Protein backbone atom coordinates (compact mmCIF):
# COMPACT_ATOMS: atom_id res chain seq x y z
CA MET A 1 -10.04 -3.66 33.11
CA THR A 2 -12.04 -0.74 32.50
CA VAL A 3 -13.50 -0.34 28.70
CA LEU A 4 -11.08 2.64 28.49
CA LEU A 5 -8.02 0.35 29.01
CA LYS A 6 -9.79 -2.52 26.80
CA ASP A 7 -8.74 -0.62 23.51
CA HIS A 8 -5.56 0.91 25.28
CA ALA A 9 -4.77 -3.23 25.81
CA LYS A 10 -5.73 -4.44 22.27
CA LEU A 11 -3.36 -1.54 21.05
CA MET A 12 -0.66 -2.93 22.95
CA GLN A 13 -1.28 -6.79 22.10
CA ALA A 14 -1.04 -5.34 18.77
CA VAL A 15 2.54 -4.05 19.18
CA LEU A 16 3.55 -6.85 21.71
CA VAL A 17 3.05 -9.72 18.37
CA SER A 18 4.33 -6.96 15.91
CA GLY A 19 7.52 -7.13 17.95
CA GLU A 20 8.14 -3.81 16.69
CA ILE A 21 6.67 -1.64 14.44
CA ILE A 22 8.78 0.78 12.60
CA GLY A 23 7.02 4.33 11.46
CA ARG A 24 3.72 6.20 12.75
CA LYS A 25 2.21 5.71 9.18
CA LYS A 26 3.01 2.14 9.50
CA LEU A 27 1.24 1.90 12.50
CA GLN A 28 -1.82 3.76 11.80
CA LYS A 29 -2.09 1.46 8.75
CA MET A 30 -1.46 -2.10 9.94
CA ILE A 31 -4.28 -1.15 12.91
CA TYR A 32 -6.82 0.41 10.03
CA ILE A 33 -6.33 -2.73 7.93
CA ALA A 34 -6.84 -5.01 10.89
CA LYS A 35 -9.86 -2.99 12.03
CA LYS A 36 -11.17 -3.47 8.54
CA VAL A 37 -10.43 -7.04 8.33
CA SER A 38 -12.59 -7.61 11.54
CA PHE A 39 -10.45 -7.41 14.31
CA PRO A 40 -12.30 -5.22 17.41
CA PHE A 41 -10.17 -1.64 17.31
CA HIS A 42 -12.70 1.08 17.81
CA GLU A 43 -10.46 3.70 17.01
CA ARG A 44 -12.37 6.19 14.26
CA PHE A 45 -10.56 6.99 11.17
CA GLN A 46 -11.01 9.55 8.48
CA PHE A 47 -9.36 9.71 5.18
CA HIS A 48 -6.18 12.01 5.32
CA PHE A 49 -3.21 13.00 3.28
CA TYR A 50 -1.83 9.48 3.59
CA GLY A 51 -5.04 7.58 3.83
CA PRO A 52 -6.92 6.66 6.21
CA TYR A 53 -5.80 8.31 9.62
CA SER A 54 -7.20 7.98 13.32
CA GLU A 55 -6.56 11.17 15.79
CA GLU A 56 -7.81 8.70 18.69
CA LEU A 57 -4.92 6.10 17.48
CA THR A 58 -2.25 8.96 17.91
CA LEU A 59 -3.88 9.82 21.38
CA ARG A 60 -4.02 6.44 22.53
CA VAL A 61 -0.32 5.68 21.68
CA GLU A 62 0.90 8.99 23.42
CA GLU A 63 -1.09 7.83 26.49
CA LEU A 64 0.84 4.32 26.38
CA CYS A 65 3.76 6.05 26.11
CA ASN A 66 3.04 8.04 29.07
CA MET A 67 1.92 5.47 30.84
CA GLY A 68 5.12 3.80 30.23
CA PHE A 69 3.46 0.83 28.39
CA LEU A 70 4.86 1.54 24.92
CA ASN A 71 8.33 2.70 23.79
CA GLU A 72 8.66 5.30 21.51
CA ILE A 73 11.86 5.84 19.95
CA LYS A 74 12.79 9.07 17.37
CA GLU A 75 15.34 8.26 15.17
CA LYS A 76 16.48 10.91 12.55
CA LYS A 77 16.46 9.23 9.23
CA GLY A 78 17.95 11.98 6.76
CA GLY A 79 15.65 14.93 6.58
CA TYR A 80 12.83 13.19 8.93
CA PHE A 81 12.28 11.43 11.87
CA GLN A 82 10.93 8.03 12.34
CA TYR A 83 9.42 6.62 15.38
CA ARG A 84 10.34 2.97 16.49
CA TYR A 85 7.52 1.36 18.34
CA THR A 86 7.73 -1.46 20.92
CA LEU A 87 6.24 -2.59 24.40
CA THR A 88 7.91 -2.31 27.65
CA ASP A 89 8.26 -4.87 30.49
CA THR A 90 5.74 -2.89 32.53
CA GLY A 91 3.54 -2.99 29.10
CA LYS A 92 4.06 -6.99 28.74
CA GLU A 93 3.30 -7.39 32.33
CA PHE A 94 0.01 -5.33 32.04
CA LEU A 95 -0.90 -7.73 29.31
CA SER A 96 -0.30 -10.83 31.13
CA LEU A 97 -2.74 -9.82 33.65
CA ASN A 98 -5.20 -8.38 31.23
CA GLU A 99 -5.54 -10.66 28.52
CA VAL A 100 -7.06 -9.84 25.08
CA GLU A 101 -8.48 -12.37 22.90
CA MET A 102 -7.90 -11.53 19.43
CA PRO A 103 -6.87 -14.88 17.53
CA PHE A 104 -5.00 -15.05 14.58
CA LEU A 105 -3.93 -11.26 15.27
CA GLN A 106 -0.25 -12.09 15.46
CA ASP A 107 -0.20 -13.51 12.23
CA CYS A 108 -2.12 -11.04 10.23
CA LEU A 109 0.26 -8.12 12.10
CA GLU A 110 3.37 -10.11 11.41
CA ASP A 111 2.72 -10.25 8.08
CA MET A 112 1.39 -6.55 7.57
CA ASN A 113 4.59 -5.62 9.60
CA GLU A 114 6.89 -7.34 6.67
CA GLN A 115 5.11 -4.83 4.04
CA ASN A 116 6.22 -1.54 3.19
CA ALA A 117 4.34 1.70 4.27
CA ARG A 118 3.53 2.64 0.83
CA PHE A 119 2.01 -0.74 -0.02
CA LEU A 120 0.07 -0.84 3.17
CA GLU A 121 -1.25 2.78 2.51
CA LEU A 122 -2.61 1.31 -0.75
CA VAL A 123 -4.30 -1.66 0.84
CA SER A 124 -6.13 1.04 3.60
CA THR A 125 -7.27 3.17 0.79
CA VAL A 126 -8.62 0.51 -1.02
CA LEU A 127 -9.99 -0.94 2.03
CA TYR A 128 -11.58 2.36 2.86
CA PHE A 129 -13.50 2.79 -0.45
CA ASP A 130 -14.57 -0.76 0.23
CA ASN A 131 -18.41 0.09 -0.68
CA LEU A 132 -17.22 1.29 -4.18
CA SER A 133 -16.67 -1.32 -7.22
CA LYS A 134 -13.06 -2.11 -7.98
CA GLU A 135 -13.13 0.44 -11.00
CA GLU A 136 -14.22 3.24 -8.54
CA VAL A 137 -11.65 2.33 -6.28
CA SER A 138 -8.87 2.26 -9.03
CA GLU A 139 -10.23 6.01 -10.15
CA LYS A 140 -10.08 7.19 -6.16
CA VAL A 141 -6.35 5.66 -6.07
CA PHE A 142 -5.06 7.28 -9.44
CA THR A 143 -6.91 10.77 -8.17
CA LEU A 144 -6.27 10.92 -4.49
CA LYS A 145 -2.74 9.15 -4.64
CA SER A 146 -1.55 10.46 -7.84
CA SER A 147 2.15 11.53 -6.12
CA GLN A 148 2.68 7.84 -4.89
CA ARG A 149 1.95 6.70 -8.82
CA TYR A 150 0.51 3.45 -8.04
CA THR A 151 0.00 1.00 -10.71
CA LYS A 152 -3.03 -1.36 -11.65
CA GLU A 153 -0.80 -4.03 -11.12
CA GLU A 154 -0.25 -2.94 -7.44
CA ILE A 155 -3.97 -1.96 -7.27
CA ASP A 156 -4.54 -6.15 -7.96
CA GLN A 157 -2.08 -6.79 -5.49
CA ALA A 158 -3.79 -5.01 -2.86
CA TYR A 159 -6.94 -6.83 -3.15
CA ALA A 160 -4.97 -10.31 -3.58
CA TYR A 161 -3.37 -9.31 -0.35
CA ILE A 162 -6.69 -8.28 1.27
CA GLU A 163 -8.04 -11.89 0.66
CA ALA A 164 -5.01 -13.02 1.78
CA LEU A 165 -5.43 -11.45 5.30
CA LYS A 166 -9.23 -12.84 5.53
CA ALA A 167 -7.84 -15.74 4.56
CA LYS A 168 -5.94 -16.11 7.49
CA LEU A 169 -8.86 -15.54 9.93
CA ASN A 170 -10.57 -18.80 8.53
């Protein structure tokens, strides 16, 4: 398997073990958080309006859809569109022939998939600024994410959640 397809396969494995991921933002946050807690995802992320965002990941998802490995279903939800991602049978077949070794990925991603996108946005923002103290991170969250109205308690929950995910890896 080429190096190029290795990263595609990792993303396919992430969708496979999650069952279904609802929302582009949620998919971005789940991959970013997985990367930050030490899963070998190589997409580069920048800080964006909704927290960490990867153009590379967006393009990789598009490529997987175009190759017929990933299913993207666009649904109208009120005033916006929501996207649902699942692996196609072709994608499952490809993975069965090109195994991806990422122990504990399923456990972590299933857990993340049960969280809402707003909470994952907070968790990924906390992780993005993990070089700062908790006080500085809280300041960043209150400043950069003021429209989300996160509370101090939610920030504490985000830190606890990160530790719980890391604990799953041991």
